Amino acid sequence: MSGSPPVLQLFQRDDCHLCDLALDVLARARAPAFESVFIDGDDALEARYGERVPVLRDAAGDRELGWPFDAEGVRSWLAAGQPS
């Protein structure tokens, strides 16, 4: 659907300090709503993301933004995924 907001997912682990920091960055960036996906115990997700978490994924555009990122970087990344 053209012009629809990205379907965002934040891949993270339980008890992950960097994931907590990423949540704060996303709040400061005023990122749209996203789904938190915990990879612990999911063999396929652990194989894909392993120690790379946190990773922000735009499922609609099949794009990923890996840590580290800041609020400005998130805003730029989100804007780059919008149709022109």
Protein backbone atom coordinates (compact mmCIF):
# COMPACT_ATOMS: atom_id res chain seq x y z
CA MET A 1 0.00 0.00 0.00
CA SER A 2 1.64 3.24 -1.13
CA GLY A 3 2.27 5.88 1.51
CA SER A 4 1.65 3.53 4.43
CA PRO A 5 4.04 3.76 7.37
CA PRO A 6 6.76 1.14 7.64
CA VAL A 7 6.04 -2.03 9.55
CA LEU A 8 8.80 -1.79 12.13
CA GLN A 9 10.21 -4.54 14.28
CA LEU A 10 12.91 -4.21 16.91
CA PHE A 11 14.81 -7.46 17.33
CA GLN A 12 16.21 -7.70 20.83
CA ARG A 13 17.15 -10.00 23.70
CA ASP A 14 15.99 -10.23 27.29
CA ASP A 15 18.22 -8.38 29.77
CA CYS A 16 20.03 -6.50 26.98
CA HIS A 17 21.48 -3.13 28.00
CA LEU A 18 21.97 -2.07 24.37
CA CYS A 19 18.35 -2.97 23.62
CA ASP A 20 17.26 -0.69 26.47
CA LEU A 21 19.37 2.09 24.96
CA ALA A 22 17.81 1.46 21.54
CA LEU A 23 14.32 1.82 23.03
CA ASP A 24 15.34 5.21 24.43
CA VAL A 25 16.77 6.28 21.05
CA LEU A 26 13.56 5.25 19.27
CA ALA A 27 11.52 7.28 21.75
CA ARG A 28 13.74 10.35 21.20
CA ALA A 29 13.46 9.86 17.43
CA ARG A 30 9.67 9.70 17.80
CA ALA A 31 9.70 6.54 15.73
CA PRO A 32 6.31 5.16 14.76
CA ALA A 33 4.91 2.18 16.61
CA PHE A 34 6.97 -0.96 16.30
CA GLU A 35 6.80 -4.58 17.34
CA SER A 36 9.35 -5.85 19.87
CA VAL A 37 10.63 -9.26 18.80
CA PHE A 38 12.69 -11.15 21.35
CA ILE A 39 15.06 -13.59 19.65
CA ASP A 40 15.87 -15.64 22.76
CA GLY A 41 14.83 -19.26 22.28
CA ASP A 42 14.06 -18.88 18.55
CA ASP A 43 16.78 -20.80 16.72
CA ALA A 44 16.15 -19.13 13.36
CA LEU A 45 16.19 -15.60 14.78
CA GLU A 46 19.21 -16.32 16.96
CA ALA A 47 21.06 -17.63 13.90
CA ARG A 48 20.12 -14.53 11.89
CA TYR A 49 20.65 -11.83 14.52
CA GLY A 50 22.83 -13.46 17.18
CA GLU A 51 24.96 -10.81 18.82
CA ARG A 52 23.87 -8.08 16.35
CA VAL A 53 20.86 -7.05 18.42
CA PRO A 54 19.34 -4.58 18.70
CA VAL A 55 18.31 -4.40 15.04
CA LEU A 56 15.49 -2.23 13.73
CA ARG A 57 13.77 -3.78 10.70
CA ASP A 58 11.35 -2.28 8.20
CA ALA A 59 9.50 -5.41 7.13
CA ALA A 60 7.67 -3.62 4.33
CA GLY A 61 10.88 -2.40 2.70
CA ASP A 62 13.03 -5.33 3.81
CA ARG A 63 15.60 -2.94 5.32
CA GLU A 64 17.53 -3.19 8.57
CA LEU A 65 19.30 -0.68 10.78
CA GLY A 66 21.83 -2.25 13.11
CA TRP A 67 23.11 -0.88 16.38
CA PRO A 68 24.62 1.58 17.07
CA PHE A 69 22.17 4.23 15.91
CA ASP A 70 21.08 7.59 17.25
CA ALA A 71 17.82 9.54 16.96
CA GLU A 72 18.94 11.48 13.89
CA GLY A 73 20.12 8.28 12.21
CA VAL A 74 16.76 6.63 12.87
CA ARG A 75 14.87 9.61 11.44
CA SER A 76 17.07 9.63 8.33
CA TRP A 77 16.71 5.87 7.90
CA LEU A 78 12.92 6.10 8.21
CA ALA A 79 12.75 9.00 5.74
CA ALA A 80 14.91 7.10 3.22
CA GLY A 81 12.38 4.27 3.21
CA GLN A 82 9.43 6.49 2.32
CA PRO A 83 8.33 6.58 -1.32
CA SER A 84 9.17 9.84 -3.07
